[in-house]
Amino acid sequence: MKTILIVDDDVSLCLMLKALFEKNRYKVTTVSSIFEAKKVVESCFFSLILTDLRFPDGSGMELIKYVRNEIPDTPVILMTAYPKITSAIQSIKLGAHNFISKPICPDELLGIVKDAIITTLLSKKENKITPVISNYFQGTGQASIDLLKQINLVAPTSISVLIIGESGTGKELIAKMIHENSNRSNGPFVAVDCGAVSNNLSASEFFGHKKGAFTGADADKKGYFESANNGILFLDEIGNLRYSTQLHLLRALQERKIKPVGCSEEISIDVRIIAATNENLFESQKSGTFRSDLFHRLNEFQIIVPPLRDRKEDIMAYADFFLLEANRYLEKSLLGFDKSAEFVFKNYHWPGNLREMKNIIQRAVLLAKRGWITLNELPENLYSDCCFGKNKSSCTDVEADIRKVLLLTDNNKSKAARLLNIDRKTLYKKMKQYHIN
């Protein structure tokens, strides 16, 4: 849960803001002086600090400077009833994330706060790859941290890497992160979808060809290996390569030389290989569809990417990241997910992983007419797959489910019925049966 510190000597404003943020699932602490603010900051972590400009014991500018020096990763937003452009400029120079004038518009403030927290998460240096990968977000759960440690460990080396993970888990993105943090970062990164490589032209595509080598070879062509020379060749879905192509690939990796089709001379190449698959290559070796010698050549270091369902502590962090991306792409300003949508996200199986989440959120942002994403903007399969009331052993369980869903949906019967995977008529009957008002 995100935590906010509100520093203001206006008691009624503090109460109003506390109610606003707690309604939107933030944990809030309020203090009324600069002295109290510094004291509480020393002992507690806050995702964001909101401060007034003027206090009897000091200035909000002083607090901004203090936070900037002591906890630079915590964003500060300045609030004041005395808006001046000079104050705004000064607060930004001192390190404030933003500046808002009183009287405060709740929706505007919520948007500024959410943007500040997400933007800060994206720009944090700790536990984050140094080069910027534009569409990468580093989760903070243990599975995400362990994954990042492996990337950091193997990136500076020259050994081959095999990335194993379900479709949509971001295997190519991990390969790019390795490239950006390797000693080949100034060299090319060439990505190949092995499933799209033509069986008849695989040698030409990987090793190139000379003009006239075969019908249709109207000019010399560089293959993937030569194009990736002094860089990284990323072989996505390596398990889809046909057996004969695997043999050619193995020979090129062993000898570090290639011979373009129609050429009598070999070309030396210096290429680091990163491969990825969503298949079980151990089973493929047993069945004879994937060469064991090639597998061991590629599998010098293995990274297993956990599916999204195994990174539950990061699910809403990824959702917020994709929401921010979609807002920017579609030029909208949605604030977040309501309680029922958040419940669905946390309990859905996510078979398509991060790619599925990104597409669902982008669609929801496009459809949304108000400030929040609700069940109305989500595909039905999301909430039907995580519905309540499955295999319940007692009436007490069913009653508890109904009460919980009504709480999640703020007593919206249509949403509640959808989450319970029943129609409204059945819901009303159940409510009457269990004496639920």
Protein backbone atom coordinates (compact mmCIF):
# COMPACT_ATOMS: atom_id res chain seq x y z
CA MET A 1 0.00 0.00 0.00
CA LYS A 2 1.33 3.47 -0.92
CA THR A 3 1.87 5.86 2.00
CA ILE A 4 1.42 9.64 2.00
CA LEU A 5 2.54 12.25 4.53
CA ILE A 6 0.40 15.41 4.59
CA VAL A 7 2.05 18.45 6.22
CA ASP A 8 -0.44 21.28 6.77
CA ASP A 9 -1.64 23.31 9.77
CA ASP A 10 -5.19 23.52 8.35
CA VAL A 11 -6.92 20.73 10.30
CA SER A 12 -10.06 20.63 8.15
CA LEU A 13 -7.98 20.36 4.94
CA CYS A 14 -5.93 17.55 6.46
CA LEU A 15 -9.09 15.64 7.36
CA MET A 16 -10.52 16.15 3.88
CA LEU A 17 -7.32 15.01 2.13
CA LYS A 18 -6.92 12.06 4.51
CA ALA A 19 -10.47 10.89 3.67
CA LEU A 20 -9.85 11.41 -0.06
CA PHE A 21 -6.63 9.38 -0.15
CA GLU A 22 -7.83 6.62 2.17
CA LYS A 23 -10.89 6.18 -0.04
CA ASN A 24 -8.45 5.63 -2.91
CA ARG A 25 -6.47 3.03 -0.95
CA TYR A 26 -3.54 5.11 0.31
CA LYS A 27 -2.27 5.02 3.90
CA VAL A 28 -2.12 8.58 5.25
CA THR A 29 -0.25 10.32 8.08
CA THR A 30 -0.90 14.01 8.88
CA VAL A 31 1.25 16.49 10.83
CA SER A 32 0.90 20.24 11.31
CA SER A 33 4.47 21.59 11.50
CA ILE A 34 7.88 21.37 9.84
CA PHE A 35 9.37 20.05 13.10
CA GLU A 36 6.85 17.17 13.26
CA ALA A 37 7.36 16.42 9.56
CA LYS A 38 11.13 16.05 9.92
CA LYS A 39 10.70 13.88 12.98
CA VAL A 40 8.23 11.48 11.36
CA VAL A 41 10.27 11.29 8.13
CA GLU A 42 13.26 10.08 10.18
CA SER A 43 11.36 7.02 11.40
CA CYS A 44 8.89 6.18 8.60
CA PHE A 45 9.02 5.63 4.85
CA PHE A 46 6.55 7.56 2.67
CA SER A 47 5.77 7.08 -1.00
CA LEU A 48 5.02 10.81 -1.29
CA ILE A 49 4.90 14.00 0.81
CA LEU A 50 2.32 16.78 0.39
CA THR A 51 3.27 20.02 2.12
CA ASP A 52 1.87 23.51 2.55
CA LEU A 53 4.11 26.53 1.90
CA ARG A 54 3.77 28.56 5.12
CA PHE A 55 4.08 27.35 8.73
CA PRO A 56 4.65 29.13 12.06
CA ASP A 57 7.94 27.23 12.50
CA GLY A 58 9.28 27.38 8.94
CA SER A 59 8.57 27.04 5.24
CA GLY A 60 7.54 24.21 2.94
CA MET A 61 10.63 25.14 0.89
CA GLU A 62 12.76 24.20 3.88
CA LEU A 63 11.04 20.81 4.09
CA ILE A 64 11.53 20.21 0.34
CA LYS A 65 15.26 20.91 0.72
CA TYR A 66 15.44 18.61 3.76
CA VAL A 67 13.68 15.74 1.96
CA ARG A 68 15.84 16.25 -1.12
CA ASN A 69 18.99 15.84 0.98
CA GLU A 70 17.84 13.05 3.29
CA ILE A 71 15.50 10.90 1.15
CA PRO A 72 15.91 12.04 -2.49
CA ASP A 73 13.76 9.19 -3.87
CA THR A 74 10.62 10.51 -2.12
CA PRO A 75 8.64 12.97 -4.28
CA VAL A 76 7.28 16.15 -2.68
CA ILE A 77 4.29 18.17 -3.91
CA LEU A 78 3.90 21.73 -2.69
CA MET A 79 0.40 23.07 -1.88
CA THR A 80 -0.28 26.75 -1.25
CA ALA A 81 -3.06 29.31 -1.17
CA TYR A 82 -0.52 31.95 -2.30
CA PRO A 83 0.33 30.82 -5.81
CA LYS A 84 3.18 32.72 -7.43
CA ILE A 85 5.21 31.65 -10.41
CA THR A 86 8.41 32.46 -8.49
CA SER A 87 7.36 30.10 -5.68
CA ALA A 88 6.62 27.35 -8.19
CA ILE A 89 9.99 27.76 -9.88
CA GLN A 90 11.84 27.87 -6.57
CA SER A 91 10.09 24.74 -5.27
CA ILE A 92 10.93 22.80 -8.47
CA LYS A 93 14.56 23.96 -8.29
CA LEU A 94 14.76 22.74 -4.69
CA GLY A 95 13.51 19.33 -5.79
CA ALA A 96 9.70 19.38 -5.59
CA HIS A 97 8.01 17.05 -8.05
CA ASN A 98 5.08 19.40 -8.65
CA PHE A 99 3.16 22.44 -7.39
CA ILE A 100 -0.59 22.78 -6.87
CA SER A 101 -2.69 25.79 -5.85
CA LYS A 102 -5.43 25.91 -3.22
CA PRO A 103 -8.39 25.46 -3.29
CA ILE A 104 -7.54 21.94 -4.37
CA CYS A 105 -9.44 19.97 -7.00
CA PRO A 106 -9.55 16.36 -5.67
CA ASP A 107 -9.35 14.66 -9.08
CA GLU A 108 -6.49 16.89 -10.19
CA LEU A 109 -4.58 16.19 -6.97
CA LEU A 110 -5.14 12.42 -7.25
CA GLY A 111 -3.79 12.49 -10.79
CA ILE A 112 -0.70 14.48 -9.78
CA VAL A 113 -0.02 12.19 -6.82
CA LYS A 114 -0.38 8.98 -8.83
CA ASP A 115 1.82 10.32 -11.62
CA ALA A 116 4.48 11.42 -9.09
CA ILE A 117 4.61 8.00 -7.39
CA ILE A 118 4.76 6.01 -10.64
CA THR A 119 7.29 8.36 -12.26
CA THR A 120 9.51 8.08 -9.18
CA LEU A 121 9.32 4.28 -9.27
CA LEU A 122 10.36 4.31 -12.93
CA SER A 123 13.36 6.55 -12.31
CA LYS A 124 14.75 4.93 -9.15
CA LYS A 125 18.35 3.87 -9.44
CA GLU A 126 18.29 1.17 -6.79
CA ASN A 127 17.90 -2.39 -8.11
CA LYS A 128 17.49 -1.05 -11.62
CA ILE A 129 19.44 -1.59 -14.81
CA THR A 130 21.53 1.53 -15.51
CA PRO A 131 20.69 2.06 -19.21
CA VAL A 132 17.13 3.18 -19.89
CA ILE A 133 14.83 0.58 -21.47
CA SER A 134 11.77 2.65 -22.37
CA ASN A 135 9.08 0.03 -21.81
CA TYR A 136 10.68 -1.73 -18.84
CA PHE A 137 9.40 -1.57 -15.28
CA GLN A 138 11.31 -3.16 -12.42
CA GLY A 139 9.05 -4.92 -9.94
CA THR A 140 9.91 -4.88 -6.24
CA GLY A 141 8.76 -8.40 -5.32
CA GLN A 142 11.31 -11.09 -4.52
CA ALA A 143 10.84 -12.89 -7.85
CA SER A 144 11.53 -9.65 -9.74
CA ILE A 145 14.59 -8.85 -7.61
CA ASP A 146 16.02 -12.37 -8.13
CA LEU A 147 15.48 -12.05 -11.88
CA LEU A 148 17.29 -8.71 -11.98
CA LYS A 149 20.22 -10.14 -10.01
CA GLN A 150 20.65 -12.87 -12.64
CA ILE A 151 20.55 -10.31 -15.46
CA ASN A 152 23.15 -8.15 -13.72
CA LEU A 153 25.33 -11.20 -13.07
CA VAL A 154 25.44 -12.54 -16.63
CA ALA A 155 25.25 -9.30 -18.66
CA PRO A 156 28.96 -8.28 -18.42
CA THR A 157 30.17 -11.76 -19.50
CA SER A 158 30.41 -13.25 -22.99
CA ILE A 159 28.67 -16.55 -22.29
CA SER A 160 25.53 -17.67 -24.11
CA VAL A 161 22.23 -17.29 -22.29
CA LEU A 162 19.05 -19.35 -22.59
CA ILE A 163 15.92 -17.51 -21.38
CA ILE A 164 13.00 -19.78 -20.53
CA GLY A 165 9.52 -18.43 -19.87
CA GLU A 166 5.91 -18.44 -20.95
CA SER A 167 4.72 -16.32 -23.84
CA GLY A 168 4.33 -12.67 -22.88
CA THR A 169 6.73 -12.67 -19.92
CA GLY A 170 9.17 -10.27 -21.60
CA LYS A 171 11.97 -12.58 -22.75
CA GLU A 172 13.11 -10.28 -25.58
CA LEU A 173 13.12 -7.33 -23.19
CA ILE A 174 15.42 -9.27 -20.85
CA ALA A 175 17.71 -10.02 -23.79
CA LYS A 176 17.84 -6.29 -24.61
CA MET A 177 18.69 -5.51 -20.98
CA ILE A 178 21.58 -7.97 -21.13
CA HIS A 179 22.76 -6.33 -24.35
CA GLU A 180 22.54 -2.80 -22.90
CA ASN A 181 24.64 -3.84 -19.90
CA SER A 182 27.22 -5.90 -21.76
CA ASN A 183 30.54 -4.87 -23.30
CA ARG A 184 28.74 -5.20 -26.66
CA SER A 185 26.22 -2.45 -25.93
CA ASN A 186 27.64 -0.33 -28.75
CA GLY A 187 27.25 -3.21 -31.17
CA PRO A 188 24.07 -4.38 -32.93
CA PHE A 189 21.20 -6.27 -31.31
CA VAL A 190 19.58 -8.50 -33.94
CA ALA A 191 16.35 -10.28 -32.97
CA VAL A 192 15.18 -13.31 -34.95
CA ASP A 193 11.82 -15.03 -34.62
CA CYS A 194 12.87 -18.61 -35.29
CA GLY A 195 9.28 -19.63 -35.91
CA ALA A 196 9.16 -17.25 -38.88
CA VAL A 197 12.39 -18.46 -40.52
CA SER A 198 11.64 -20.07 -43.89
CA ASN A 199 12.63 -23.73 -44.04
CA ASN A 200 13.87 -23.45 -47.62
CA LEU A 201 15.80 -20.22 -47.08
CA SER A 202 17.08 -20.70 -43.53
CA ALA A 203 20.74 -20.92 -44.60
CA SER A 204 20.40 -17.69 -46.58
CA GLU A 205 18.62 -15.92 -43.74
CA PHE A 206 21.18 -16.90 -41.09
CA PHE A 207 24.38 -16.80 -43.15
CA GLY A 208 23.53 -14.58 -46.13
CA HIS A 209 24.03 -15.28 -49.82
CA LYS A 210 25.90 -14.05 -52.88
CA LYS A 211 24.17 -12.64 -55.93
CA GLY A 212 23.02 -15.43 -58.26
CA ALA A 213 23.38 -18.16 -55.62
CA PHE A 214 19.82 -19.31 -56.35
CA THR A 215 16.74 -18.16 -58.22
CA GLY A 216 15.65 -14.81 -56.82
CA ALA A 217 19.06 -13.93 -55.34
CA ASP A 218 19.32 -10.66 -57.23
CA ALA A 219 21.91 -9.10 -54.92
CA ASP A 220 24.36 -9.95 -52.15
CA LYS A 221 22.65 -10.24 -48.78
CA LYS A 222 24.00 -10.25 -45.23
CA GLY A 223 22.58 -12.92 -42.95
CA TYR A 224 21.60 -12.55 -39.31
CA PHE A 225 25.06 -13.62 -38.07
CA GLU A 226 26.96 -11.09 -40.13
CA SER A 227 24.45 -8.35 -39.25
CA ALA A 228 24.99 -9.09 -35.55
CA ASN A 229 28.78 -9.16 -35.78
CA ASN A 230 30.41 -7.65 -32.65
CA GLY A 231 26.98 -7.58 -31.04
CA ILE A 232 24.24 -9.93 -29.88
CA LEU A 233 22.05 -12.28 -31.91
CA PHE A 234 18.77 -12.99 -30.10
CA LEU A 235 17.12 -16.21 -31.23
CA ASP A 236 13.52 -16.09 -30.05
CA GLU A 237 11.56 -19.36 -29.79
CA ILE A 238 14.66 -21.37 -30.62
CA GLY A 239 12.66 -24.59 -30.23
CA ASN A 240 10.88 -23.87 -33.53
CA LEU A 241 14.03 -24.29 -35.65
CA ARG A 242 14.00 -27.34 -37.86
CA TYR A 243 16.58 -30.02 -37.12
CA SER A 244 18.83 -29.41 -40.17
CA THR A 245 19.04 -25.68 -39.41
CA GLN A 246 20.05 -26.53 -35.84
CA LEU A 247 23.07 -28.41 -37.23
CA HIS A 248 24.20 -25.39 -39.30
CA LEU A 249 23.69 -23.12 -36.32
CA LEU A 250 25.74 -25.39 -34.05
CA ARG A 251 28.62 -25.45 -36.55
CA ALA A 252 28.64 -21.64 -36.78
CA LEU A 253 28.72 -21.32 -32.98
CA GLN A 254 31.54 -23.85 -32.61
CA GLU A 255 33.78 -22.57 -35.41
CA ARG A 256 32.80 -18.88 -35.19
CA LYS A 257 32.78 -18.84 -38.96
CA ILE A 258 29.99 -18.75 -41.54
CA LYS A 259 29.84 -19.39 -45.27
CA PRO A 260 27.19 -17.40 -47.17
CA VAL A 261 25.22 -19.42 -49.74
CA GLY A 262 27.05 -19.32 -53.07
CA CYS A 263 30.32 -18.18 -51.50
CA SER A 264 33.50 -20.28 -51.46
CA GLU A 265 35.16 -18.43 -48.59
CA GLU A 266 34.28 -18.45 -44.91
CA ILE A 267 33.73 -15.26 -42.90
CA SER A 268 34.86 -14.98 -39.27
CA ILE A 269 32.20 -13.69 -36.92
CA ASP A 270 32.17 -12.52 -33.29
CA VAL A 271 28.60 -12.90 -32.06
CA ARG A 272 27.16 -13.52 -28.60
CA ILE A 273 24.04 -15.67 -28.62
CA ILE A 274 20.99 -15.18 -26.41
CA ALA A 275 18.19 -17.67 -27.07
CA ALA A 276 14.68 -17.87 -25.69
CA THR A 277 11.92 -20.44 -25.61
CA ASN A 278 8.55 -21.16 -24.06
CA GLU A 279 8.94 -24.88 -24.78
CA ASN A 280 10.39 -27.66 -22.66
CA LEU A 281 13.64 -28.31 -24.53
CA PHE A 282 14.43 -31.30 -22.30
CA GLU A 283 11.35 -33.05 -23.69
CA SER A 284 12.26 -31.90 -27.21
CA GLN A 285 15.68 -33.56 -26.82
CA LYS A 286 14.07 -36.80 -25.68
CA SER A 287 11.69 -36.78 -28.64
CA GLY A 288 14.56 -36.04 -31.04
CA THR A 289 13.28 -32.67 -32.29
CA PHE A 290 16.03 -30.61 -30.66
CA ARG A 291 19.74 -31.40 -30.69
CA SER A 292 21.32 -32.01 -27.28
CA ASP A 293 24.68 -30.60 -28.39
CA LEU A 294 23.06 -27.33 -29.51
CA PHE A 295 21.08 -27.14 -26.27
CA HIS A 296 24.25 -27.39 -24.17
CA ARG A 297 25.98 -24.80 -26.38
CA LEU A 298 23.11 -22.33 -25.80
CA ASN A 299 22.51 -23.22 -22.16
CA GLU A 300 25.78 -21.90 -20.69
CA PHE A 301 23.63 -19.75 -18.37
CA GLN A 302 19.91 -20.18 -17.90
CA ILE A 303 17.39 -17.55 -16.82
CA ILE A 304 13.88 -18.72 -15.92
CA VAL A 305 11.34 -15.90 -16.14
CA PRO A 306 8.49 -16.41 -13.65
CA PRO A 307 4.94 -16.01 -14.98
CA LEU A 308 2.92 -13.01 -13.82
CA ARG A 309 0.67 -15.17 -11.62
CA ASP A 310 3.78 -16.04 -9.53
CA ARG A 311 4.61 -12.35 -9.02
CA LYS A 312 1.41 -11.37 -7.23
CA GLU A 313 3.08 -8.68 -5.12
CA ASP A 314 3.98 -6.85 -8.35
CA ILE A 315 0.69 -7.23 -10.23
CA MET A 316 -0.78 -3.83 -9.36
CA ALA A 317 2.61 -2.13 -9.77
CA TYR A 318 2.77 -3.46 -13.34
CA ALA A 319 -0.87 -2.44 -13.85
CA ASP A 320 -0.09 1.11 -12.72
CA PHE A 321 2.91 1.21 -15.06
CA PHE A 322 0.88 0.07 -18.07
CA LEU A 323 -1.86 2.54 -17.12
CA LEU A 324 0.66 5.37 -17.17
CA GLU A 325 1.93 4.21 -20.56
CA ALA A 326 -1.61 3.95 -21.96
CA ASN A 327 -2.54 7.39 -20.60
CA ARG A 328 0.43 8.90 -22.40
CA TYR A 329 -0.16 6.96 -25.63
CA LEU A 330 -3.89 7.69 -25.79
CA GLU A 331 -3.60 11.19 -24.27
CA LYS A 332 -5.94 10.39 -21.39
CA SER A 333 -5.69 10.90 -17.64
CA LEU A 334 -7.25 7.94 -15.85
CA LEU A 335 -6.42 7.82 -12.15
CA GLY A 336 -6.35 4.08 -11.48
CA PHE A 337 -8.43 0.96 -10.87
CA ASP A 338 -11.49 0.72 -8.66
CA LYS A 339 -11.60 -1.93 -5.91
CA SER A 340 -13.43 -4.54 -7.97
CA ALA A 341 -11.07 -4.17 -10.94
CA GLU A 342 -8.07 -4.38 -8.62
CA PHE A 343 -9.46 -7.58 -7.08
CA VAL A 344 -9.88 -9.10 -10.53
CA PHE A 345 -6.33 -8.19 -11.54
CA LYS A 346 -4.90 -9.77 -8.40
CA ASN A 347 -6.88 -13.01 -8.77
CA TYR A 348 -6.85 -13.57 -12.54
CA HIS A 349 -4.56 -16.34 -13.85
CA TRP A 350 -2.89 -14.15 -16.56
CA PRO A 351 -2.12 -16.88 -19.13
CA GLY A 352 -0.81 -14.19 -21.52
CA ASN A 353 1.31 -12.59 -18.78
CA LEU A 354 2.57 -9.00 -19.15
CA ARG A 355 1.66 -8.74 -22.84
CA GLU A 356 -1.95 -9.67 -22.03
CA MET A 357 -2.08 -7.17 -19.15
CA LYS A 358 -0.70 -4.36 -21.31
CA ASN A 359 -3.27 -4.98 -24.06
CA ILE A 360 -6.18 -5.25 -21.59
CA ILE A 361 -5.24 -1.99 -19.85
CA GLN A 362 -4.76 -0.12 -23.11
CA ARG A 363 -8.21 -1.25 -24.25
CA ALA A 364 -9.73 -0.31 -20.87
CA VAL A 365 -8.17 3.17 -21.00
CA LEU A 366 -9.63 3.66 -24.47
CA LEU A 367 -13.10 2.59 -23.31
CA ALA A 368 -13.16 4.39 -19.94
CA LYS A 369 -15.36 7.49 -19.77
CA ARG A 370 -14.59 8.42 -16.16
CA GLY A 371 -11.52 8.65 -13.94
CA TRP A 372 -11.23 4.98 -12.96
CA ILE A 373 -11.05 1.60 -14.69
CA THR A 374 -13.93 -0.59 -13.52
CA LEU A 375 -15.35 -4.00 -14.42
CA ASN A 376 -17.26 -2.29 -17.23
CA GLU A 377 -14.00 -1.78 -19.16
CA LEU A 378 -12.57 -5.28 -18.56
CA PRO A 379 -13.19 -8.39 -20.71
CA GLU A 380 -15.70 -10.77 -19.17
CA ASN A 381 -13.24 -13.69 -19.06
CA LEU A 382 -11.11 -11.80 -16.51
CA TYR A 383 -13.73 -11.75 -13.78
CA SER A 384 -15.50 -14.97 -14.74
CA ASP A 385 -12.19 -16.82 -14.25
CA CYS A 386 -11.73 -15.50 -10.71
CA CYS A 387 -15.35 -15.57 -9.58
CA PHE A 388 -16.45 -16.40 -6.06
CA GLY A 389 -18.60 -19.24 -4.92
CA LYS A 390 -16.65 -22.07 -6.58
CA ASN A 391 -16.87 -25.41 -4.77
CA LYS A 392 -18.08 -23.85 -1.53
CA SER A 393 -18.76 -26.35 1.22
CA SER A 394 -21.23 -24.36 3.33
CA CYS A 395 -23.84 -21.63 3.24
CA THR A 396 -21.54 -19.55 5.44
CA ASP A 397 -18.90 -19.53 2.67
CA VAL A 398 -21.41 -18.38 0.07
CA GLU A 399 -22.78 -15.66 2.35
CA ALA A 400 -19.24 -14.44 3.10
CA ASP A 401 -18.50 -14.28 -0.64
CA ILE A 402 -21.62 -12.22 -1.34
CA ARG A 403 -20.83 -9.77 1.45
CA LYS A 404 -17.21 -9.44 0.30
CA VAL A 405 -18.19 -8.83 -3.32
CA LEU A 406 -20.79 -6.22 -2.38
CA LEU A 407 -18.12 -4.45 -0.36
CA LEU A 408 -15.67 -4.63 -3.28
CA THR A 409 -18.20 -3.17 -5.69
CA ASP A 410 -19.59 -0.51 -3.32
CA ASN A 411 -22.95 -2.34 -3.39
CA ASN A 412 -23.19 -2.19 -7.18
CA LYS A 413 -25.42 -5.21 -7.80
CA SER A 414 -24.57 -5.54 -11.50
CA LYS A 415 -20.83 -5.66 -10.80
CA ALA A 416 -21.35 -7.98 -7.84
CA ALA A 417 -23.40 -10.41 -9.94
CA ARG A 418 -20.68 -10.45 -12.59
CA LEU A 419 -17.96 -11.20 -10.04
CA LEU A 420 -20.09 -13.96 -8.53
CA ASN A 421 -20.79 -15.31 -12.03
CA ILE A 422 -24.55 -15.24 -11.48
CA ASP A 423 -27.38 -13.08 -12.79
CA ARG A 424 -28.89 -10.18 -10.83
CA LYS A 425 -32.08 -12.10 -10.08
CA THR A 426 -30.10 -14.91 -8.44
CA LEU A 427 -28.04 -12.37 -6.49
CA TYR A 428 -31.18 -10.72 -5.07
CA LYS A 429 -32.55 -14.15 -4.15
CA LYS A 430 -29.29 -15.04 -2.34
CA MET A 431 -29.25 -11.68 -0.56
CA LYS A 432 -32.77 -12.28 0.66
CA GLN A 433 -31.91 -15.85 1.67
CA TYR A 434 -28.96 -14.70 3.81
CA HIS A 435 -30.68 -11.53 5.07
CA ILE A 436 -28.12 -9.22 3.42
CA ASN A 437 -29.33 -5.65 3.12
